[in-house]
Amino acid sequence: MSERIKTLHPDGKQGVNIAKSKYDAVAAAILASIQAAGVLPFGALAAAVAARLPAEFDGSIGWYTTTVKLDLEARGLIERVPGVNPQQLRLVGPAPRM
């Protein structure tokens, strides 16, 4: 059985358990995508992540992207740009190494 991680939610809602290998791959892709763009619209995030994941990634990239994005927000690694609609994302400080 693969190692799993319990995700966090920025609003304190219940997280989910996902495979740590998938979490690590998606988190690295999210952080790299936002770092490359500076500020990235949420609507463009899944496509940016998909471009950085291996073609054989098993699972819904959109679902994993949203789940891991919420976790990264809850951990204070990324944030929504305040007062901007639709939602845009940016790093909080320098990108951590994954």
PDB file of N, CA and C in Angstrom:
ATOM      1  N   MET A   1       0.842  -1.170   0.000  1.00  0.00           N
ATOM      2  CA  MET A   1       0.000   0.000   0.000  1.00  0.00           C
ATOM      3  C   MET A   1       0.897   1.246   0.000  1.00  0.00           C
ATOM      4  N   SER A   2       0.536   2.228  -0.808  1.00  0.00           N
ATOM      5  CA  SER A   2       1.363   3.421  -0.922  1.00  0.00           C
ATOM      6  C   SER A   2       1.147   4.366   0.266  1.00  0.00           C
ATOM      7  N   GLU A   3       2.173   5.167   0.525  1.00  0.00           N
ATOM      8  CA  GLU A   3       2.086   6.157   1.599  1.00  0.00           C
ATOM      9  C   GLU A   3       1.029   7.194   1.227  1.00  0.00           C
ATOM     10  N   ARG A   4       0.273   7.658   2.214  1.00  0.00           N
ATOM     11  CA  ARG A   4      -0.802   8.606   1.981  1.00  0.00           C
ATOM     12  C   ARG A   4      -0.600   9.859   2.821  1.00  0.00           C
ATOM     13  N   ILE A   5      -1.241  10.935   2.402  1.00  0.00           N
ATOM     14  CA  ILE A   5      -1.181  12.192   3.127  1.00  0.00           C
ATOM     15  C   ILE A   5      -2.600  12.725   3.294  1.00  0.00           C
ATOM     16  N   LYS A   6      -2.877  13.279   4.458  1.00  0.00           N
ATOM     17  CA  LYS A   6      -4.185  13.907   4.717  1.00  0.00           C
ATOM     18  C   LYS A   6      -4.044  15.382   4.376  1.00  0.00           C
ATOM     19  N   THR A   7      -4.837  15.832   3.409  1.00  0.00           N
ATOM     20  CA  THR A   7      -4.751  17.235   3.004  1.00  0.00           C
ATOM     21  C   THR A   7      -5.477  18.127   3.999  1.00  0.00           C
ATOM     22  N   LEU A   8      -5.096  19.389   3.975  1.00  0.00           N
ATOM     23  CA  LEU A   8      -5.735  20.405   4.799  1.00  0.00           C
ATOM     24  C   LEU A   8      -6.640  21.262   3.920  1.00  0.00           C
ATOM     25  N   HIS A   9      -7.533  22.012   4.556  1.00  0.00           N
ATOM     26  CA  HIS A   9      -8.431  22.914   3.831  1.00  0.00           C
ATOM     27  C   HIS A   9      -8.322  24.287   4.482  1.00  0.00           C
ATOM     28  N   PRO A  10      -8.212  25.364   3.682  1.00  0.00           N
ATOM     29  CA  PRO A  10      -8.024  26.686   4.276  1.00  0.00           C
ATOM     30  C   PRO A  10      -9.197  27.162   5.134  1.00  0.00           C
ATOM     31  N   ASP A  11     -10.375  26.620   4.928  1.00  0.00           N
ATOM     32  CA  ASP A  11     -11.553  27.012   5.717  1.00  0.00           C
ATOM     33  C   ASP A  11     -11.794  26.071   6.886  1.00  0.00           C
ATOM     34  N   GLY A  12     -10.831  25.185   7.171  1.00  0.00           N
ATOM     35  CA  GLY A  12     -10.966  24.268   8.286  1.00  0.00           C
ATOM     36  C   GLY A  12     -11.865  23.072   8.008  1.00  0.00           C
ATOM     37  N   LYS A  13     -12.318  22.931   6.766  1.00  0.00           N
ATOM     38  CA  LYS A  13     -13.155  21.780   6.406  1.00  0.00           C
ATOM     39  C   LYS A  13     -12.309  20.514   6.403  1.00  0.00           C
ATOM     40  N   GLN A  14     -12.981  19.391   6.338  1.00  0.00           N
ATOM     41  CA  GLN A  14     -12.327  18.089   6.330  1.00  0.00           C
ATOM     42  C   GLN A  14     -11.500  17.907   5.063  1.00  0.00           C
ATOM     43  N   GLY A  15     -10.245  17.505   5.216  1.00  0.00           N
ATOM     44  CA  GLY A  15      -9.396  17.196   4.074  1.00  0.00           C
ATOM     45  C   GLY A  15      -9.638  15.769   3.617  1.00  0.00           C
ATOM     46  N   VAL A  16      -8.873  15.356   2.630  1.00  0.00           N
ATOM     47  CA  VAL A  16      -8.988  13.998   2.109  1.00  0.00           C
ATOM     48  C   VAL A  16      -7.629  13.316   2.174  1.00  0.00           C
ATOM     49  N   ASN A  17      -7.640  11.994   2.178  1.00  0.00           N
ATOM     50  CA  ASN A  17      -6.407  11.199   2.125  1.00  0.00           C
ATOM     51  C   ASN A  17      -6.112  10.869   0.676  1.00  0.00           C
ATOM     52  N   ILE A  18      -4.907  11.248   0.228  1.00  0.00           N
ATOM     53  CA  ILE A  18      -4.501  10.907  -1.136  1.00  0.00           C
ATOM     54  C   ILE A  18      -3.088  10.331  -1.105  1.00  0.00           C
ATOM     55  N   ALA A  19      -2.740   9.658  -2.180  1.00  0.00           N
ATOM     56  CA  ALA A  19      -1.397   9.084  -2.281  1.00  0.00           C
ATOM     57  C   ALA A  19      -0.356  10.197  -2.226  1.00  0.00           C
ATOM     58  N   LYS A  20       0.648  10.029  -1.383  1.00  0.00           N
ATOM     59  CA  LYS A  20       1.676  11.048  -1.219  1.00  0.00           C
ATOM     60  C   LYS A  20       2.425  11.287  -2.521  1.00  0.00           C
ATOM     61  N   SER A  21       2.631  10.263  -3.319  1.00  0.00           N
ATOM     62  CA  SER A  21       3.345  10.431  -4.586  1.00  0.00           C
ATOM     63  C   SER A  21       2.567  11.355  -5.524  1.00  0.00           C
ATOM     64  N   LYS A  22       1.239  11.213  -5.552  1.00  0.00           N
ATOM     65  CA  LYS A  22       0.426  12.102  -6.391  1.00  0.00           C
ATOM     66  C   LYS A  22       0.411  13.508  -5.810  1.00  0.00           C
ATOM     67  N   TYR A  23       0.284  13.609  -4.486  1.00  0.00           N
ATOM     68  CA  TYR A  23       0.311  14.920  -3.831  1.00  0.00           C
ATOM     69  C   TYR A  23       1.610  15.643  -4.173  1.00  0.00           C
ATOM     70  N   ASP A  24       2.739  14.959  -4.024  1.00  0.00           N
ATOM     71  CA  ASP A  24       4.043  15.575  -4.280  1.00  0.00           C
ATOM     72  C   ASP A  24       4.164  16.045  -5.731  1.00  0.00           C
ATOM     73  N   ALA A  25       3.713  15.226  -6.675  1.00  0.00           N
ATOM     74  CA  ALA A  25       3.811  15.583  -8.093  1.00  0.00           C
ATOM     75  C   ALA A  25       2.939  16.797  -8.411  1.00  0.00           C
ATOM     76  N   VAL A  26       1.714  16.808  -7.912  1.00  0.00           N
ATOM     77  CA  VAL A  26       0.795  17.910  -8.204  1.00  0.00           C
ATOM     78  C   VAL A  26       1.242  19.177  -7.476  1.00  0.00           C
ATOM     79  N   ALA A  27       1.677  19.056  -6.227  1.00  0.00           N
ATOM     80  CA  ALA A  27       2.148  20.228  -5.480  1.00  0.00           C
ATOM     81  C   ALA A  27       3.344  20.870  -6.183  1.00  0.00           C
ATOM     82  N   ALA A  28       4.288  20.055  -6.620  1.00  0.00           N
ATOM     83  CA  ALA A  28       5.461  20.589  -7.319  1.00  0.00           C
ATOM     84  C   ALA A  28       5.038  21.285  -8.608  1.00  0.00           C
ATOM     85  N   ALA A  29       4.081  20.706  -9.332  1.00  0.00           N
ATOM     86  CA  ALA A  29       3.603  21.309 -10.583  1.00  0.00           C
ATOM     87  C   ALA A  29       2.869  22.624 -10.318  1.00  0.00           C
ATOM     88  N   ILE A  30       2.079  22.677  -9.255  1.00  0.00           N
ATOM     89  CA  ILE A  30       1.371  23.921  -8.907  1.00  0.00           C
ATOM     90  C   ILE A  30       2.376  25.009  -8.559  1.00  0.00           C
ATOM     91  N   LEU A  31       3.310  24.699  -7.672  1.00  0.00           N
ATOM     92  CA  LEU A  31       4.284  25.693  -7.235  1.00  0.00           C
ATOM     93  C   LEU A  31       5.141  26.186  -8.401  1.00  0.00           C
ATOM     94  N   ALA A  32       5.573  25.282  -9.262  1.00  0.00           N
ATOM     95  CA  ALA A  32       6.390  25.667 -10.417  1.00  0.00           C
ATOM     96  C   ALA A  32       5.579  26.523 -11.395  1.00  0.00           C
ATOM     97  N   SER A  33       4.314  26.176 -11.575  1.00  0.00           N
ATOM     98  CA  SER A  33       3.460  26.930 -12.502  1.00  0.00           C
ATOM     99  C   SER A  33       3.228  28.343 -11.999  1.00  0.00           C
ATOM    100  N   ILE A  34       2.943  28.481 -10.717  1.00  0.00           N
ATOM    101  CA  ILE A  34       2.719  29.815 -10.152  1.00  0.00           C
ATOM    102  C   ILE A  34       4.014  30.611 -10.148  1.00  0.00           C
ATOM    103  N   GLN A  35       5.120  29.960  -9.807  1.00  0.00           N
ATOM    104  CA  GLN A  35       6.405  30.656  -9.804  1.00  0.00           C
ATOM    105  C   GLN A  35       6.741  31.172 -11.202  1.00  0.00           C
ATOM    106  N   ALA A  36       6.484  30.370 -12.218  1.00  0.00           N
ATOM    107  CA  ALA A  36       6.785  30.773 -13.593  1.00  0.00           C
ATOM    108  C   ALA A  36       5.918  31.943 -14.043  1.00  0.00           C
ATOM    109  N   ALA A  37       4.656  31.964 -13.598  1.00  0.00           N
ATOM    110  CA  ALA A  37       3.720  33.001 -14.030  1.00  0.00           C
ATOM    111  C   ALA A  37       3.762  34.248 -13.147  1.00  0.00           C
ATOM    112  N   GLY A  38       4.182  34.092 -11.906  1.00  0.00           N
ATOM    113  CA  GLY A  38       4.114  35.197 -10.955  1.00  0.00           C
ATOM    114  C   GLY A  38       2.752  35.226 -10.285  1.00  0.00           C
ATOM    115  N   VAL A  39       1.727  35.477 -11.069  1.00  0.00           N
ATOM    116  CA  VAL A  39       0.334  35.399 -10.633  1.00  0.00           C
ATOM    117  C   VAL A  39      -0.381  34.572 -11.681  1.00  0.00           C
ATOM    118  N   LEU A  40      -1.120  33.556 -11.236  1.00  0.00           N
ATOM    119  CA  LEU A  40      -1.766  32.633 -12.166  1.00  0.00           C
ATOM    120  C   LEU A  40      -3.255  32.570 -11.886  1.00  0.00           C
ATOM    121  N   PRO A  41      -4.096  32.804 -12.896  1.00  0.00           N
ATOM    122  CA  PRO A  41      -5.539  32.656 -12.687  1.00  0.00           C
ATOM    123  C   PRO A  41      -5.883  31.201 -12.374  1.00  0.00           C
ATOM    124  N   PHE A  42      -6.806  31.009 -11.440  1.00  0.00           N
ATOM    125  CA  PHE A  42      -7.214  29.656 -11.082  1.00  0.00           C
ATOM    126  C   PHE A  42      -7.708  28.896 -12.314  1.00  0.00           C
ATOM    127  N   GLY A  43      -8.392  29.578 -13.215  1.00  0.00           N
ATOM    128  CA  GLY A  43      -8.915  28.932 -14.420  1.00  0.00           C
ATOM    129  C   GLY A  43      -7.840  28.340 -15.314  1.00  0.00           C
ATOM    130  N   ALA A  44      -6.616  28.815 -15.196  1.00  0.00           N
ATOM    131  CA  ALA A  44      -5.511  28.312 -16.011  1.00  0.00           C
ATOM    132  C   ALA A  44      -4.648  27.294 -15.263  1.00  0.00           C
ATOM    133  N   LEU A  45      -4.945  27.094 -13.981  1.00  0.00           N
ATOM    134  CA  LEU A  45      -4.078  26.261 -13.153  1.00  0.00           C
ATOM    135  C   LEU A  45      -4.047  24.802 -13.585  1.00  0.00           C
ATOM    136  N   ALA A  46      -5.201  24.188 -13.817  1.00  0.00           N
ATOM    137  CA  ALA A  46      -5.231  22.758 -14.159  1.00  0.00           C
ATOM    138  C   ALA A  46      -4.452  22.473 -15.441  1.00  0.00           C
ATOM    139  N   ALA A  47      -4.584  23.340 -16.448  1.00  0.00           N
ATOM    140  CA  ALA A  47      -3.842  23.138 -17.703  1.00  0.00           C
ATOM    141  C   ALA A  47      -2.343  23.302 -17.470  1.00  0.00           C
ATOM    142  N   ALA A  48      -1.965  24.275 -16.637  1.00  0.00           N
ATOM    143  CA  ALA A  48      -0.543  24.484 -16.337  1.00  0.00           C
ATOM    144  C   ALA A  48       0.028  23.279 -15.595  1.00  0.00           C
ATOM    145  N   VAL A  49      -0.752  22.730 -14.678  1.00  0.00           N
ATOM    146  CA  VAL A  49      -0.327  21.549 -13.925  1.00  0.00           C
ATOM    147  C   VAL A  49      -0.229  20.345 -14.857  1.00  0.00           C
ATOM    148  N   ALA A  50      -1.233  20.152 -15.693  1.00  0.00           N
ATOM    149  CA  ALA A  50      -1.235  19.014 -16.623  1.00  0.00           C
ATOM    150  C   ALA A  50      -0.002  19.024 -17.515  1.00  0.00           C
ATOM    151  N   ALA A  51       0.438  20.205 -17.922  1.00  0.00           N
ATOM    152  CA  ALA A  51       1.613  20.315 -18.788  1.00  0.00           C
ATOM    153  C   ALA A  51       2.894  19.896 -18.071  1.00  0.00           C
ATOM    154  N   ARG A  52       2.871  19.888 -16.733  1.00  0.00           N
ATOM    155  CA  ARG A  52       4.063  19.542 -15.958  1.00  0.00           C
ATOM    156  C   ARG A  52       4.019  18.121 -15.389  1.00  0.00           C
ATOM    157  N   LEU A  53       2.885  17.446 -15.526  1.00  0.00           N
ATOM    158  CA  LEU A  53       2.762  16.076 -15.018  1.00  0.00           C
ATOM    159  C   LEU A  53       3.069  15.069 -16.116  1.00  0.00           C
ATOM    160  N   PRO A  54       3.502  13.877 -15.739  1.00  0.00           N
ATOM    161  CA  PRO A  54       3.723  12.843 -16.755  1.00  0.00           C
ATOM    162  C   PRO A  54       2.408  12.454 -17.431  1.00  0.00           C
ATOM    163  N   ALA A  55       2.484  12.092 -18.682  1.00  0.00           N
ATOM    164  CA  ALA A  55       1.288  11.734 -19.458  1.00  0.00           C
ATOM    165  C   ALA A  55       0.519  10.577 -18.824  1.00  0.00           C
ATOM    166  N   GLU A  56       1.224   9.712 -18.106  1.00  0.00           N
ATOM    167  CA  GLU A  56       0.570   8.534 -17.517  1.00  0.00           C
ATOM    168  C   GLU A  56      -0.014   8.815 -16.130  1.00  0.00           C
ATOM    169  N   PHE A  57      -0.125  10.087 -15.731  1.00  0.00           N
ATOM    170  CA  PHE A  57      -0.719  10.417 -14.423  1.00  0.00           C
ATOM    171  C   PHE A  57      -2.103   9.800 -14.347  1.00  0.00           C
ATOM    172  N   ASP A  58      -2.337   9.049 -13.280  1.00  0.00           N
ATOM    173  CA  ASP A  58      -3.591   8.319 -13.122  1.00  0.00           C
ATOM    174  C   ASP A  58      -4.520   9.086 -12.178  1.00  0.00           C
ATOM    175  N   GLY A  59      -5.612   9.590 -12.706  1.00  0.00           N
ATOM    176  CA  GLY A  59      -6.581  10.310 -11.897  1.00  0.00           C
ATOM    177  C   GLY A  59      -6.996  11.607 -12.564  1.00  0.00           C
ATOM    178  N   SER A  60      -7.976  12.249 -11.992  1.00  0.00           N
ATOM    179  CA  SER A  60      -8.486  13.506 -12.516  1.00  0.00           C
ATOM    180  C   SER A  60      -7.533  14.642 -12.138  1.00  0.00           C
ATOM    181  N   ILE A  61      -6.868  15.197 -13.127  1.00  0.00           N
ATOM    182  CA  ILE A  61      -5.917  16.273 -12.867  1.00  0.00           C
ATOM    183  C   ILE A  61      -6.627  17.473 -12.257  1.00  0.00           C
ATOM    184  N   GLY A  62      -7.821  17.776 -12.720  1.00  0.00           N
ATOM    185  CA  GLY A  62      -8.585  18.891 -12.164  1.00  0.00           C
ATOM    186  C   GLY A  62      -8.900  18.701 -10.693  1.00  0.00           C
ATOM    187  N   TRP A  63      -9.327  17.494 -10.319  1.00  0.00           N
ATOM    188  CA  TRP A  63      -9.664  17.219  -8.920  1.00  0.00           C
ATOM    189  C   TRP A  63      -8.414  17.292  -8.037  1.00  0.00           C
ATOM    190  N   TYR A  64      -7.348  16.638  -8.468  1.00  0.00           N
ATOM    191  CA  TYR A  64      -6.107  16.663  -7.691  1.00  0.00           C
ATOM    192  C   TYR A  64      -5.553  18.087  -7.592  1.00  0.00           C
ATOM    193  N   THR A  65      -5.633  18.844  -8.677  1.00  0.00           N
ATOM    194  CA  THR A  65      -5.136  20.220  -8.658  1.00  0.00           C
ATOM    195  C   THR A  65      -5.896  21.051  -7.628  1.00  0.00           C
ATOM    196  N   THR A  66      -7.212  20.968  -7.634  1.00  0.00           N
ATOM    197  CA  THR A  66      -8.013  21.738  -6.679  1.00  0.00           C
ATOM    198  C   THR A  66      -7.749  21.287  -5.252  1.00  0.00           C
ATOM    199  N   THR A  67      -7.682  19.991  -5.019  1.00  0.00           N
ATOM    200  CA  THR A  67      -7.443  19.461  -3.674  1.00  0.00           C
ATOM    201  C   THR A  67      -6.092  19.900  -3.127  1.00  0.00           C
ATOM    202  N   VAL A  68      -5.056  19.779  -3.935  1.00  0.00           N
ATOM    203  CA  VAL A  68      -3.717  20.145  -3.492  1.00  0.00           C
ATOM    204  C   VAL A  68      -3.584  21.664  -3.392  1.00  0.00           C
ATOM    205  N   LYS A  69      -4.235  22.408  -4.278  1.00  0.00           N
ATOM    206  CA  LYS A  69      -4.215  23.877  -4.187  1.00  0.00           C
ATOM    207  C   LYS A  69      -4.775  24.330  -2.850  1.00  0.00           C
ATOM    208  N   LEU A  70      -5.889  23.756  -2.438  1.00  0.00           N
ATOM    209  CA  LEU A  70      -6.488  24.110  -1.144  1.00  0.00           C
ATOM    210  C   LEU A  70      -5.531  23.773  -0.001  1.00  0.00           C
ATOM    211  N   ASP A  71      -4.871  22.636  -0.090  1.00  0.00           N
ATOM    212  CA  ASP A  71      -3.900  22.245   0.933  1.00  0.00           C
ATOM    213  C   ASP A  71      -2.737  23.235   0.991  1.00  0.00           C
ATOM    214  N   LEU A  72      -2.216  23.634  -0.155  1.00  0.00           N
ATOM    215  CA  LEU A  72      -1.105  24.583  -0.188  1.00  0.00           C
ATOM    216  C   LEU A  72      -1.521  25.944   0.362  1.00  0.00           C
ATOM    217  N   GLU A  73      -2.773  26.330   0.129  1.00  0.00           N
ATOM    218  CA  GLU A  73      -3.300  27.557   0.737  1.00  0.00           C
ATOM    219  C   GLU A  73      -3.335  27.409   2.257  1.00  0.00           C
ATOM    220  N   ALA A  74      -3.861  26.285   2.734  1.00  0.00           N
ATOM    221  CA  ALA A  74      -3.983  26.060   4.174  1.00  0.00           C
ATOM    222  C   ALA A  74      -2.608  26.035   4.846  1.00  0.00           C
ATOM    223  N   ARG A  75      -1.594  25.577   4.150  1.00  0.00           N
ATOM    224  CA  ARG A  75      -0.234  25.513   4.700  1.00  0.00           C
ATOM    225  C   ARG A  75       0.518  26.837   4.547  1.00  0.00           C
ATOM    226  N   GLY A  76      -0.114  27.822   3.903  1.00  0.00           N
ATOM    227  CA  GLY A  76       0.500  29.137   3.764  1.00  0.00           C
ATOM    228  C   GLY A  76       1.570  29.233   2.700  1.00  0.00           C
ATOM    229  N   LEU A  77       1.567  28.316   1.735  1.00  0.00           N
ATOM    230  CA  LEU A  77       2.573  28.342   0.669  1.00  0.00           C
ATOM    231  C   LEU A  77       2.123  29.157  -0.537  1.00  0.00           C
ATOM    232  N   ILE A  78       0.810  29.186  -0.782  1.00  0.00           N
ATOM    233  CA  ILE A  78       0.247  30.010  -1.843  1.00  0.00           C
ATOM    234  C   ILE A  78      -0.931  30.768  -1.256  1.00  0.00           C
ATOM    235  N   GLU A  79      -1.356  31.805  -1.970  1.00  0.00           N
ATOM    236  CA  GLU A  79      -2.518  32.568  -1.523  1.00  0.00           C
ATOM    237  C   GLU A  79      -3.299  33.080  -2.715  1.00  0.00           C
ATOM    238  N   ARG A  80      -4.575  33.376  -2.463  1.00  0.00           N
ATOM    239  CA  ARG A  80      -5.399  34.039  -3.457  1.00  0.00           C
ATOM    240  C   ARG A  80      -5.080  35.527  -3.388  1.00  0.00           C
ATOM    241  N   VAL A  81      -4.955  36.155  -4.546  1.00  0.00           N
ATOM    242  CA  VAL A  81      -4.710  37.596  -4.570  1.00  0.00           C
ATOM    243  C   VAL A  81      -5.979  38.272  -4.054  1.00  0.00           C
ATOM    244  N   PRO A  82      -5.883  39.061  -2.982  1.00  0.00           N
ATOM    245  CA  PRO A  82      -7.074  39.671  -2.399  1.00  0.00           C
ATOM    246  C   PRO A  82      -7.741  40.672  -3.344  1.00  0.00           C
ATOM    247  N   GLY A  83      -9.074  40.674  -3.331  1.00  0.00           N
ATOM    248  CA  GLY A  83      -9.847  41.649  -4.086  1.00  0.00           C
ATOM    249  C   GLY A  83      -9.872  41.442  -5.580  1.00  0.00           C
ATOM    250  N   VAL A  84      -9.412  40.291  -6.043  1.00  0.00           N
ATOM    251  CA  VAL A  84      -9.385  40.020  -7.483  1.00  0.00           C
ATOM    252  C   VAL A  84     -10.373  38.906  -7.793  1.00  0.00           C
ATOM    253  N   ASN A  85     -11.195  39.148  -8.801  1.00  0.00           N
ATOM    254  CA  ASN A  85     -12.166  38.152  -9.234  1.00  0.00           C
ATOM    255  C   ASN A  85     -12.130  38.111 -10.758  1.00  0.00           C
ATOM    256  N   PRO A  86     -11.969  36.957 -11.399  1.00  0.00           N
ATOM    257  CA  PRO A  86     -11.888  35.620 -10.823  1.00  0.00           C
ATOM    258  C   PRO A  86     -10.574  35.397 -10.058  1.00  0.00           C
ATOM    259  N   GLN A  87     -10.584  34.339  -9.293  1.00  0.00           N
ATOM    260  CA  GLN A  87      -9.490  34.004  -8.380  1.00  0.00           C
ATOM    261  C   GLN A  87      -8.143  33.915  -9.103  1.00  0.00           C
ATOM    262  N   GLN A  88      -7.140  34.549  -8.503  1.00  0.00           N
ATOM    263  CA  GLN A  88      -5.770  34.460  -8.989  1.00  0.00           C
ATOM    264  C   GLN A  88      -4.883  34.030  -7.832  1.00  0.00           C
ATOM    265  N   LEU A  89      -3.848  33.289  -8.153  1.00  0.00           N
ATOM    266  CA  LEU A  89      -2.978  32.701  -7.125  1.00  0.00           C
ATOM    267  C   LEU A  89      -1.556  33.206  -7.252  1.00  0.00           C
ATOM    268  N   ARG A  90      -0.881  33.316  -6.105  1.00  0.00           N
ATOM    269  CA  ARG A  90       0.523  33.693  -6.084  1.00  0.00           C
ATOM    270  C   ARG A  90       1.209  32.967  -4.934  1.00  0.00           C
ATOM    271  N   LEU A  91       2.532  32.890  -5.031  1.00  0.00           N
ATOM    272  CA  LEU A  91       3.321  32.274  -3.964  1.00  0.00           C
ATOM    273  C   LEU A  91       3.379  33.207  -2.769  1.00  0.00           C
ATOM    274  N   VAL A  92       3.510  32.620  -1.599  1.00  0.00           N
ATOM    275  CA  VAL A  92       3.769  33.374  -0.390  1.00  0.00           C
ATOM    276  C   VAL A  92       5.239  33.148  -0.073  1.00  0.00           C
ATOM    277  N   GLY A  93       6.088  34.111  -0.400  1.00  0.00           N
ATOM    278  CA  GLY A  93       7.515  33.940  -0.210  1.00  0.00           C
ATOM    279  C   GLY A  93       8.102  33.089  -1.315  1.00  0.00           C
ATOM    280  N   PRO A  94       9.370  32.704  -1.181  1.00  0.00           N
ATOM    281  CA  PRO A  94      10.024  31.891  -2.220  1.00  0.00           C
ATOM    282  C   PRO A  94       9.437  30.485  -2.260  1.00  0.00           C
ATOM    283  N   ALA A  95       9.472  29.887  -3.430  1.00  0.00           N
ATOM    284  CA  ALA A  95       8.918  28.547  -3.618  1.00  0.00           C
ATOM    285  C   ALA A  95       9.729  27.529  -2.811  1.00  0.00           C
ATOM    286  N   PRO A  96       9.060  26.703  -2.010  1.00  0.00           N
ATOM    287  CA  PRO A  96       9.782  25.666  -1.250  1.00  0.00           C
ATOM    288  C   PRO A  96      10.231  24.547  -2.170  1.00  0.00           C
ATOM    289  N   ARG A  97      11.240  23.846  -1.769  1.00  0.00           N
ATOM    290  CA  ARG A  97      11.675  22.666  -2.540  1.00  0.00           C
ATOM    291  C   ARG A  97      10.779  21.498  -2.196  1.00  0.00           C
ATOM    292  N   MET A  98      10.327  20.798  -3.191  1.00  0.00           N
ATOM    293  CA  MET A  98       9.439  19.649  -2.975  1.00  0.00           C
ATOM    294  C   MET A  98      10.223  18.366  -3.117  1.00  0.00           C
TER     295      MET A  98
END
